[in-house]
Every structure is written in C-alpha cells, then in structure tokens.
Amino acid sequence: MGGSAFGTKTFTPRMPHDVYRHMRDSVHAVLRELFVFVATPIEGPAKKDHGDIDVLVCLERRVAFPPTAENEITPRTNNELMVTIKDKLRAEDAIMNGPTANLLLPWPAELYEELEENAEGQDAPRRQQHVQVDVRICKDFEQMSWGLFKHAHGDMWNLIGSSIRPFGLTVDEEALYLRIPEIEKFDRKRAKVLLTTDPVKVIHFLGMQVEGFWEEPFSSVEALFEYVTTCRLFWVKEAGEEEAAENGAGVVGGEEGRRKLKSNDRRRMNGRPVYRQWINEYIPRLRAEGRFLSKGQDQTTLREALRDEAIAWFFVQAEYHERLHQWRVQRSVEEVKGLVKILVPTEMDNQRRAATMSALKKIILEDDCSFGFALPATARSTDGIYDAEAVRQFIAQNWERLGNIAQSPQKQRFAEHMRLKDLKRKADVQ
C-alpha cells in the first residue's frame, strides 16, 4: 500500500526510490520558496519502496525576511498557509487539519511505470497514479527538530519506546516525559512530567551516540537494531524469568513477547515489518546468544532509581512533587466524599440524608463551623491530606446528631420554595 489518506478510489501506489527522491526534492524546492526550514525525516533502513512523503516546515520566509525594516508582516494562519502550499505544489486534492495536511500530487510523468497487465496478462489501460505528500507546519524550529528526531529512521522509536516505557519514560510527538506511577493508573495525561524537547539531551540521557544519528539512514535493519541496543535501559529477560519474576527488567520477544504486547504494539506487529522482525527474530536471538541479559534485576527498583536521576538531570523536582502532591490532595478529597456517602445510612429519609451529607462535606472539606461541629485538627495534615480513619470516626460519631441540625434549615428552605411556587401558581391562574 502507498499513501492511504484519500481512499481506494485514488491510486497512490508505493514509490520506488527514484520516484520518491524526485518528488521529495521537488516538493522541498517549492516549499523553500515559502519557508526558511524544510526537511523530511531520515528514512528507515533497507526500504524497498515508500508509501508517502513526510515534510516538516517552519518559519515563513516573508515574515523572517521582510523587504524593508518599515514593513510589518503579519504571519498567515495555518489554513491560509495550507491553501498556498496546495496551490504552489499544484495538488489535485487536499485534506487539511490545522497545521497538517495530506496533499495529492500527480505522479511525475517522466517516471511513469509501464502499462499494467490485467488478469489475463494483456496490457490494461494505465490508471492515473498519484503521490501522497503529508505536510506539517511546525510552530517553531524546536518543534520541527523534535519531529525530525521522533520520526527519524522509521521504526526506531517504536523499538526504543518499548525498552524505556517500563521504566517510566514516554516519548511522544512533542517531548520526553517522566510518568508518575501513583497517577498513571488513573490518569495517563496528568501523570506525564515534561523532561525535555531537546533531541540531543534525550540521546545523551539514554546513553546513546549522537554521532551517526542525523547524517543518513542506517545501512541495514540489523544496524538499526544494534544502535537501539546501545540504550542504557535496554535489557533482555532471561529464559524462564517471566514466570519466576514478573517484575524482572527487560524486553521479551518470540511467542512469550507476543502474548504480552499491548494493543498498540499488536497493531505495529501487523503493519510494521521492522517491528515484527524485532519481536519475532532479533530479541529471541539476543536471548539465545546471552546478550544484554538483565540478570534478574528488579524493574521497580530500577524505575525508582531512574526517576531520581531524571528529576535531577532535567531539574524537574519541584514540578514532579507538586504534581504528585496535588494528585494526592485530590484523591484524599474524593476519598472523604466516598466515606460520607458510605457511612450516612441509606435507610434515612432522602431529604434528611441529603442534608446530613451536605453538612458533613461543608464541615470536613470547607471548615464550615456554622453547624456547631469541627473536624479534629489531627484528621488533616498541614499539606491537605486527610487521615481516612480519623474522618471515618468523625462521621460515625456525629452523622446522627448533625442530621437533626442540618435538616432544620433545609426544611425551612423547602417550605419557602413551596410557598413561592404556590404564589406563582395562584398568580398564573388570575
């Protein structure tokens, strides 16, 4: 399959190398008339053909280099830029989505393939061939550099990601993050603490070489695999270690590894040949050769050590601990609300129960003393975390008496509500 954004009705076959390079260079030349920076991520190794062309751009040339000092150039919106890009490239169709677009360009006429053969082996009419070009407008050079880094060498980050993920590190389209384990089980987005958007810092932190990364594709898939293994967090689990120590560090390949894959990784197995080779062949071979074996190292212990190292390396101690503290406070408040709901008997009259629960929440969470009750000072720490057992005892000891007090003003409010409703009904009748 080639580019697939435009569906099966449009013929976008996979491109041989000469077509890919011709179209890539032509597109770059046109886009350099509009942008200062134009680039395509380094290709994966040993590719036989190409599905589409990815291009990242940033910094409008007319904004960066105004004709005179007096000229005030207003940057164009992403939509305006994409319309201009489509026109400049003479695209026949486009699917635009903010800073990204899929563009449909005609296959270069001088590199057209021979007539296709039909099922009977006869020459068939040649279908109109197209090339899909995916363009992303980056907000600045930093974002563009990260995009080129993240998508360099094809499947490389799928492989590295599977090695670093168990140790609390995540790489996405924007940055490298450290995940907070207490939070990630409940909220993956809030669990991520930004470490860096600098590709070189990432490579250094993972203990890999910068030299050779940016110049050209790896000479072979094997060379790519060997580079990935230079990551200092790459280990292979020993045979039988899965059953003996589920928390042992390291990746697993072969049939055992396939059983443990998450849904995203299973999709990669189906659609990414390099990733499939990594799981099915390369990891089992490393294990058989005894290379990079984890020797029973504990994954949790290693993750904790890496957390401390990453916090110090990227200077995120304050953010990490503040994020974790806010989460603990929120969870503590939710736990208090849950205790109120559980401990106030459901057999009570609905209005009395609602009034009692509301009063308890005001006293415990808002320090409301108007009901004549106060939460003991020892039931909440100075940093806002509640002692669940102390709160439980407070509720159990006071809910009944508080219910008698809390319901009274509620009854008065309800009576007033009914009185006003009755007056409105009489007025409407008149």
Protein backbone atom coordinates (compact mmCIF):
# COMPACT_ATOMS: atom_id res chain seq x y z
CA MET A 1 0.00 0.00 0.00
CA GLY A 2 1.06 3.57 -0.62
CA GLY A 3 -0.42 6.67 0.96
CA SER A 4 -3.94 5.84 2.08
CA ALA A 5 -5.47 9.15 3.20
CA PHE A 6 -7.52 9.54 0.00
CA GLY A 7 -9.10 6.09 -0.03
CA THR A 8 -9.11 3.28 -2.53
CA LYS A 9 -10.64 5.30 -5.37
CA THR A 10 -7.39 7.21 -5.74
CA PHE A 11 -4.40 5.21 -6.99
CA THR A 12 -1.38 6.03 -4.80
CA PRO A 13 0.97 3.08 -5.30
CA ARG A 14 4.16 2.68 -3.31
CA MET A 15 7.01 4.66 -4.83
CA PRO A 16 10.32 3.20 -5.96
CA HIS A 17 13.41 5.09 -4.80
CA ASP A 18 13.81 7.22 -7.91
CA VAL A 19 10.21 8.46 -7.79
CA TYR A 20 10.39 9.11 -4.06
CA ARG A 21 13.61 11.14 -4.27
CA HIS A 22 12.44 13.05 -7.33
CA MET A 23 9.16 14.04 -5.68
CA ARG A 24 10.73 14.75 -2.29
CA ASP A 25 13.35 17.07 -3.76
CA SER A 26 10.78 18.80 -5.97
CA VAL A 27 8.42 19.40 -3.07
CA HIS A 28 11.28 20.70 -0.90
CA ALA A 29 12.34 23.14 -3.59
CA VAL A 30 8.83 24.59 -3.88
CA LEU A 31 8.28 24.82 -0.13
CA ARG A 32 11.61 26.60 0.38
CA GLU A 33 10.08 29.49 -1.50
CA LEU A 34 7.60 29.81 1.37
CA PHE A 35 9.55 28.64 4.46
CA VAL A 36 13.05 29.05 5.85
CA PHE A 37 13.22 25.48 7.16
CA VAL A 38 12.04 22.50 5.11
CA ALA A 39 13.02 18.89 5.84
CA THR A 40 11.95 15.26 5.70
CA PRO A 41 12.78 12.76 8.48
CA ILE A 42 15.66 10.36 7.72
CA GLU A 43 14.30 7.22 6.11
CA GLY A 44 14.23 3.79 7.69
CA PRO A 45 16.92 1.29 6.65
CA ALA A 46 16.78 -1.02 3.66
CA LYS A 47 13.44 0.24 2.37
CA LYS A 48 12.40 -1.24 -0.95
CA ASP A 49 9.83 1.47 -1.64
CA HIS A 50 7.93 4.31 0.01
CA GLY A 51 4.26 4.86 0.84
CA ASP A 52 4.19 8.66 1.07
CA ILE A 53 6.41 11.69 1.63
CA ASP A 54 6.53 13.44 5.01
CA VAL A 55 7.64 17.07 5.09
CA LEU A 56 8.04 19.39 8.08
CA VAL A 57 8.30 23.16 7.62
CA CYS A 58 8.53 26.23 9.83
CA LEU A 59 9.14 29.99 9.77
CA GLU A 60 7.52 31.83 6.88
CA ARG A 61 10.22 33.32 4.68
CA ARG A 62 8.25 36.56 4.12
CA VAL A 63 7.98 37.05 7.90
CA ALA A 64 11.62 36.18 8.61
CA PHE A 65 12.99 38.37 5.82
CA PRO A 66 10.68 41.37 5.26
CA PRO A 67 11.67 43.50 2.24
CA THR A 68 12.25 46.66 4.33
CA ALA A 69 12.61 47.50 8.00
CA GLU A 70 9.38 49.52 7.90
CA ASN A 71 7.28 46.64 6.57
CA GLU A 72 5.11 44.98 9.18
CA ILE A 73 4.43 41.44 8.01
CA THR A 74 1.50 39.62 9.58
CA PRO A 75 2.05 35.86 9.73
CA ARG A 76 -0.59 33.87 7.89
CA THR A 77 -2.80 31.34 9.64
CA ASN A 78 -2.18 27.63 9.17
CA ASN A 79 -5.25 27.39 6.96
CA GLU A 80 -4.05 30.25 4.76
CA LEU A 81 -0.61 28.70 4.51
CA MET A 82 -2.01 25.28 3.60
CA VAL A 83 -4.11 26.80 0.83
CA THR A 84 -0.97 28.49 -0.50
CA ILE A 85 1.02 25.26 -0.21
CA LYS A 86 -1.66 23.37 -2.12
CA ASP A 87 -1.60 25.95 -4.91
CA LYS A 88 2.19 26.10 -5.07
CA LEU A 89 2.51 22.32 -5.29
CA ARG A 90 -0.40 22.13 -7.75
CA ALA A 91 -2.02 19.46 -5.63
CA GLU A 92 -5.16 17.92 -7.10
CA ASP A 93 -6.75 17.36 -3.70
CA ALA A 94 -6.04 18.10 -0.05
CA ILE A 95 -7.25 17.03 3.37
CA MET A 96 -6.44 19.88 5.76
CA ASN A 97 -6.48 19.70 9.53
CA GLY A 98 -4.97 22.76 11.20
CA PRO A 99 -1.17 22.59 10.95
CA THR A 100 -1.20 19.30 8.98
CA ALA A 101 -2.43 18.33 5.53
CA ASN A 102 -2.44 15.35 3.18
CA LEU A 103 -1.84 16.53 -0.38
CA LEU A 104 -2.46 14.57 -3.57
CA LEU A 105 0.11 15.26 -6.29
CA PRO A 106 0.32 13.74 -9.76
CA TRP A 107 2.96 11.05 -10.27
CA PRO A 108 5.90 12.54 -12.24
CA ALA A 109 5.13 11.91 -15.92
CA GLU A 110 8.77 11.24 -16.81
CA LEU A 111 8.89 8.41 -14.26
CA TYR A 112 5.62 6.69 -15.09
CA GLU A 113 5.62 2.91 -14.86
CA GLU A 114 4.93 0.71 -17.85
CA LEU A 115 1.39 -0.29 -18.76
CA GLU A 116 -0.16 -2.54 -16.15
CA GLU A 117 -1.19 -6.03 -17.11
CA ASN A 118 -4.69 -7.24 -16.46
CA ALA A 119 -5.62 -10.64 -15.03
CA GLU A 120 -5.38 -12.27 -18.49
CA GLY A 121 -1.84 -10.97 -18.96
CA GLN A 122 -2.97 -8.39 -21.54
CA ASP A 123 -1.93 -4.75 -21.42
CA ALA A 124 -4.54 -2.81 -19.44
CA PRO A 125 -5.23 0.92 -19.60
CA ARG A 126 -2.83 2.76 -17.34
CA ARG A 127 -4.51 4.23 -14.26
CA GLN A 128 -3.70 7.77 -13.19
CA GLN A 129 -1.05 7.45 -10.46
CA HIS A 130 -0.65 9.92 -7.60
CA VAL A 131 1.73 10.62 -4.75
CA GLN A 132 0.59 11.47 -1.22
CA VAL A 133 2.58 14.22 0.48
CA ASP A 134 1.96 14.89 4.17
CA VAL A 135 2.95 18.39 5.31
CA ARG A 136 3.15 19.65 8.89
CA ILE A 137 3.65 23.32 9.74
CA CYS A 138 5.65 23.49 12.97
CA LYS A 139 5.18 26.41 15.34
CA ASP A 140 8.95 26.90 15.72
CA PHE A 141 12.29 25.29 14.95
CA GLU A 142 12.32 23.46 18.29
CA GLN A 143 9.12 21.61 17.43
CA MET A 144 10.40 20.87 13.94
CA SER A 145 13.68 19.46 15.29
CA TRP A 146 11.74 17.19 17.63
CA GLY A 147 9.52 15.97 14.78
CA LEU A 148 12.55 15.13 12.65
CA PHE A 149 14.08 13.36 15.65
CA LYS A 150 10.96 11.40 16.61
CA HIS A 151 10.33 10.12 13.07
CA ALA A 152 13.94 9.54 12.02
CA HIS A 153 14.91 6.04 10.92
CA GLY A 154 11.40 4.73 10.50
CA ASP A 155 10.51 2.36 13.35
CA MET A 156 13.40 3.29 15.62
CA TRP A 157 11.30 4.96 18.32
CA ASN A 158 8.83 2.10 18.37
CA LEU A 159 11.77 -0.09 19.38
CA ILE A 160 13.35 2.30 21.89
CA GLY A 161 9.93 3.15 23.31
CA SER A 162 9.24 -0.48 24.18
CA SER A 163 12.53 -0.56 26.11
CA ILE A 164 12.16 2.66 28.11
CA ARG A 165 8.40 2.57 28.76
CA PRO A 166 8.61 0.09 31.69
CA PHE A 167 10.99 2.48 33.47
CA GLY A 168 8.52 5.37 33.45
CA LEU A 169 9.74 7.23 30.34
CA THR A 170 7.46 8.22 27.47
CA VAL A 171 8.33 9.81 24.14
CA ASP A 172 5.50 11.28 22.07
CA GLU A 173 5.15 13.80 19.25
CA GLU A 174 6.17 16.68 21.49
CA ALA A 175 8.76 15.67 24.10
CA LEU A 176 10.28 13.19 26.53
CA TYR A 177 8.25 12.73 29.73
CA LEU A 178 8.63 11.04 33.11
CA ARG A 179 5.46 9.30 34.29
CA ILE A 180 4.40 9.44 37.94
CA PRO A 181 3.46 5.86 38.87
CA GLU A 182 0.88 6.82 41.53
CA ILE A 183 -1.05 8.84 38.93
CA GLU A 184 -0.67 6.91 35.68
CA LYS A 185 -3.00 4.10 36.78
CA PHE A 186 -5.84 6.65 36.90
CA ASP A 187 -4.89 9.48 34.53
CA ARG A 188 -2.13 8.93 31.97
CA LYS A 189 -2.09 12.52 30.77
CA ARG A 190 -1.70 14.09 34.21
CA ALA A 191 0.95 11.53 35.10
CA LYS A 192 3.38 12.92 32.49
CA VAL A 193 6.01 15.42 33.65
CA LEU A 194 7.86 17.17 30.82
CA LEU A 195 11.60 16.46 30.84
CA THR A 196 12.89 17.94 27.58
CA THR A 197 12.15 18.78 23.97
CA ASP A 198 15.85 18.70 23.06
CA PRO A 199 16.70 15.60 20.97
CA VAL A 200 20.40 15.68 21.86
CA LYS A 201 19.64 15.71 25.60
CA VAL A 202 17.41 12.67 25.13
CA ILE A 203 20.12 10.75 23.30
CA HIS A 204 22.69 11.63 25.96
CA PHE A 205 20.36 10.70 28.83
CA LEU A 206 19.68 7.29 27.28
CA GLY A 207 23.41 6.72 26.85
CA MET A 208 23.32 6.54 23.05
CA GLN A 209 25.63 8.11 20.49
CA VAL A 210 24.69 11.34 18.74
CA GLU A 211 27.26 10.72 16.01
CA GLY A 212 25.70 8.92 13.08
CA PHE A 213 22.14 9.62 14.13
CA TRP A 214 21.46 12.69 11.98
CA GLU A 215 23.53 12.03 8.86
CA GLU A 216 21.89 9.23 6.87
CA PRO A 217 19.80 6.07 7.15
CA PHE A 218 21.31 3.03 8.83
CA SER A 219 22.93 0.68 6.35
CA SER A 220 20.64 -2.19 7.32
CA VAL A 221 17.85 -3.21 9.68
CA GLU A 222 20.47 -5.11 11.68
CA ALA A 223 22.50 -1.90 12.10
CA LEU A 224 19.38 -0.10 13.35
CA PHE A 225 18.73 -2.88 15.86
CA GLU A 226 22.33 -2.72 17.10
CA TYR A 227 22.03 1.03 17.63
CA VAL A 228 18.83 0.60 19.65
CA THR A 229 20.61 -1.87 21.96
CA THR A 230 23.09 0.85 22.95
CA CYS A 231 20.31 2.43 25.03
CA ARG A 232 21.38 2.00 28.66
CA LEU A 233 17.85 0.89 29.58
CA PHE A 234 17.84 -1.97 27.11
CA TRP A 235 17.86 -5.46 28.62
CA VAL A 236 16.59 -8.85 27.59
CA LYS A 237 14.84 -11.10 30.09
CA GLU A 238 16.42 -14.47 30.59
CA ALA A 239 14.54 -17.60 29.59
CA GLY A 240 12.04 -18.63 32.26
CA GLU A 241 12.36 -15.30 34.07
CA GLU A 242 8.80 -14.29 33.17
CA GLU A 243 7.27 -16.98 35.33
CA ALA A 244 9.82 -16.66 38.14
CA ALA A 245 9.82 -12.87 38.40
CA GLU A 246 7.11 -10.90 36.62
CA ASN A 247 8.74 -7.69 37.83
CA GLY A 248 12.10 -8.50 36.29
CA ALA A 249 13.58 -5.91 33.93
CA GLY A 250 13.96 -6.38 30.20
CA VAL A 251 12.08 -6.98 26.94
CA VAL A 252 10.74 -10.31 25.75
CA GLY A 253 10.47 -11.50 22.18
CA GLY A 254 9.13 -14.52 20.37
CA GLU A 255 5.86 -16.15 21.37
CA GLU A 256 6.23 -15.04 25.00
CA GLY A 257 6.71 -11.44 23.92
CA ARG A 258 3.75 -11.50 21.55
CA ARG A 259 1.46 -12.62 24.37
CA LYS A 260 2.47 -9.60 26.47
CA LEU A 261 2.06 -6.95 23.75
CA LYS A 262 -0.38 -4.11 24.33
CA SER A 263 -2.97 -3.23 21.69
CA ASN A 264 -0.81 -0.54 20.04
CA ASP A 265 2.12 -2.95 19.80
CA ARG A 266 -0.10 -5.67 18.32
CA ARG A 267 -1.14 -3.25 15.59
CA ARG A 268 2.53 -2.49 14.91
CA MET A 269 3.19 -6.21 14.59
CA ASN A 270 0.61 -6.38 11.82
CA GLY A 271 1.64 -3.26 9.92
CA ARG A 272 5.34 -2.68 10.60
CA PRO A 273 7.70 -5.36 9.22
CA VAL A 274 10.74 -3.98 11.08
CA TYR A 275 8.94 -4.10 14.43
CA ARG A 276 7.73 -7.62 13.63
CA GLN A 277 11.29 -8.71 12.90
CA TRP A 278 12.46 -7.12 16.16
CA ILE A 279 9.95 -9.11 18.24
CA ASN A 280 9.92 -12.37 16.30
CA GLU A 281 13.60 -12.74 15.43
CA TYR A 282 16.03 -10.26 16.93
CA ILE A 283 15.08 -10.33 20.64
CA PRO A 284 14.94 -14.18 20.72
CA ARG A 285 18.36 -14.25 19.04
CA LEU A 286 19.85 -11.91 21.65
CA ARG A 287 18.47 -14.13 24.40
CA ALA A 288 19.88 -17.27 22.77
CA GLU A 289 23.28 -15.56 22.45
CA GLY A 290 23.19 -14.40 26.07
CA ARG A 291 23.50 -10.71 25.15
CA PHE A 292 22.09 -7.85 27.26
CA LEU A 293 20.55 -10.23 29.81
CA SER A 294 19.04 -8.42 32.79
CA LYS A 295 20.36 -10.96 35.33
CA GLY A 296 17.19 -10.77 37.39
CA GLN A 297 17.32 -7.02 38.04
CA ASP A 298 14.10 -5.70 39.58
CA GLN A 299 12.16 -3.36 37.30
CA THR A 300 10.53 -1.40 40.14
CA THR A 301 13.88 -0.73 41.82
CA LEU A 302 15.43 0.37 38.53
CA ARG A 303 12.46 2.62 37.79
CA GLU A 304 12.76 4.36 41.15
CA ALA A 305 16.47 4.94 40.60
CA LEU A 306 15.85 6.28 37.10
CA ARG A 307 13.11 8.57 38.42
CA ASP A 308 15.52 10.19 40.86
CA GLU A 309 18.18 10.50 38.17
CA ALA A 310 15.78 12.05 35.63
CA ILE A 311 14.43 14.53 38.18
CA ALA A 312 17.96 15.71 38.95
CA TRP A 313 19.19 15.61 35.33
CA PHE A 314 16.33 17.71 33.92
CA PHE A 315 15.70 19.88 37.04
CA VAL A 316 12.03 18.95 37.46
CA GLN A 317 11.97 18.17 41.18
CA ALA A 318 9.57 21.00 42.06
CA GLU A 319 7.13 20.19 39.25
CA TYR A 320 7.22 16.45 39.91
CA HIS A 321 6.50 16.73 43.62
CA GLU A 322 3.90 19.48 43.21
CA ARG A 323 2.04 17.41 40.61
CA LEU A 324 2.12 14.37 42.88
CA HIS A 325 1.02 16.43 45.90
CA GLN A 326 -1.95 17.95 44.04
CA TRP A 327 -2.98 14.48 42.94
CA ARG A 328 -2.80 13.11 46.48
CA VAL A 329 -4.88 16.01 47.79
CA GLN A 330 -7.49 15.43 45.09
CA ARG A 331 -7.61 11.69 45.81
CA SER A 332 -7.89 12.42 49.53
CA VAL A 333 -10.86 14.73 48.95
CA GLU A 334 -12.53 12.12 46.75
CA GLU A 335 -11.96 9.53 49.46
CA VAL A 336 -13.67 11.81 52.02
CA LYS A 337 -16.68 12.24 49.75
CA GLY A 338 -16.84 8.48 49.33
CA LEU A 339 -16.76 7.95 53.11
CA VAL A 340 -19.61 10.41 53.58
CA LYS A 341 -21.68 8.58 51.00
CA ILE A 342 -20.95 5.16 52.50
CA LEU A 343 -21.29 5.97 56.21
CA VAL A 344 -24.51 8.00 56.16
CA PRO A 345 -27.21 5.29 56.17
CA THR A 346 -29.25 4.87 53.02
CA GLU A 347 -32.31 3.91 55.09
CA MET A 348 -32.77 7.55 56.15
CA ASP A 349 -35.38 9.83 54.65
CA ASN A 350 -33.93 11.12 51.36
CA GLN A 351 -34.14 14.80 52.33
CA ARG A 352 -32.63 14.17 55.77
CA ARG A 353 -29.82 12.10 54.26
CA ALA A 354 -29.03 14.74 51.62
CA ALA A 355 -28.94 17.46 54.27
CA THR A 356 -26.68 15.38 56.51
CA MET A 357 -24.23 14.58 53.70
CA SER A 358 -24.10 18.21 52.56
CA ALA A 359 -23.39 19.39 56.10
CA LEU A 360 -20.63 16.79 56.60
CA LYS A 361 -18.87 17.84 53.38
CA LYS A 362 -19.03 21.51 54.38
CA ILE A 363 -17.58 20.77 57.80
CA ILE A 364 -14.83 18.42 56.60
CA LEU A 365 -13.86 20.00 53.27
CA GLU A 366 -14.70 23.69 53.83
CA ASP A 367 -14.12 24.08 57.59
CA ASP A 368 -17.71 25.30 58.00
CA CYS A 369 -18.36 25.75 61.74
CA SER A 370 -21.92 27.07 61.44
CA PHE A 371 -23.38 23.68 62.39
CA GLY A 372 -21.56 23.61 65.72
CA PHE A 373 -19.15 20.84 64.69
CA ALA A 374 -15.48 20.94 63.74
CA LEU A 375 -13.19 18.30 62.28
CA PRO A 376 -10.35 17.45 64.70
CA ALA A 377 -7.08 19.11 63.67
CA THR A 378 -5.34 15.74 63.63
CA ALA A 379 -7.70 14.48 60.89
CA ARG A 380 -5.94 16.55 58.22
CA SER A 381 -2.23 17.15 57.70
CA THR A 382 -0.77 20.58 57.07
CA ASP A 383 -0.39 19.73 53.38
CA GLY A 384 -4.12 18.99 52.97
CA ILE A 385 -4.13 15.18 53.12
CA TYR A 386 -6.92 13.67 55.20
CA ASP A 387 -6.47 10.82 57.67
CA ALA A 388 -9.15 8.45 56.36
CA GLU A 389 -9.58 6.60 59.65
CA ALA A 390 -9.95 9.84 61.65
CA VAL A 391 -12.53 11.12 59.14
CA ARG A 392 -14.36 7.82 59.33
CA GLN A 393 -14.61 8.07 63.12
CA PHE A 394 -15.80 11.70 62.94
CA ILE A 395 -18.60 10.79 60.54
CA ALA A 396 -19.64 7.70 62.51
CA GLN A 397 -19.81 9.65 65.79
CA ASN A 398 -21.63 12.74 64.50
CA TRP A 399 -23.83 11.99 61.49
CA GLU A 400 -27.00 11.33 63.53
CA ARG A 401 -26.85 14.48 65.66
CA LEU A 402 -25.73 16.52 62.67
CA GLY A 403 -28.70 15.24 60.69
CA ASN A 404 -31.12 16.71 63.23
CA ILE A 405 -29.43 20.08 63.00
CA ALA A 406 -28.80 20.12 59.25
CA GLN A 407 -32.31 19.18 58.24
CA SER A 408 -33.96 22.07 60.01
CA PRO A 409 -32.71 24.88 57.73
CA GLN A 410 -33.31 22.65 54.75
CA LYS A 411 -36.93 22.15 55.79
CA GLN A 412 -37.31 25.91 56.08
CA ARG A 413 -35.83 26.42 52.60
CA PHE A 414 -38.10 23.76 51.14
CA ALA A 415 -41.17 25.28 52.79
CA GLU A 416 -40.20 28.70 51.42
CA HIS A 417 -39.71 27.18 47.96
CA MET A 418 -43.18 25.60 48.06
CA ARG A 419 -44.73 28.84 49.32
CA LEU A 420 -43.26 30.83 46.43
CA LYS A 421 -44.27 28.13 43.97
CA ASP A 422 -47.85 28.27 45.29
CA LEU A 423 -47.93 32.06 45.00
CA LYS A 424 -46.71 31.85 41.40
CA ARG A 425 -49.38 29.24 40.59
CA LYS A 426 -52.13 31.47 42.01
CA ALA A 427 -50.82 34.47 40.10
CA ASP A 428 -50.84 32.50 36.85
CA VAL A 429 -54.45 31.45 37.46
CA GLN A 430 -55.53 35.05 38.00
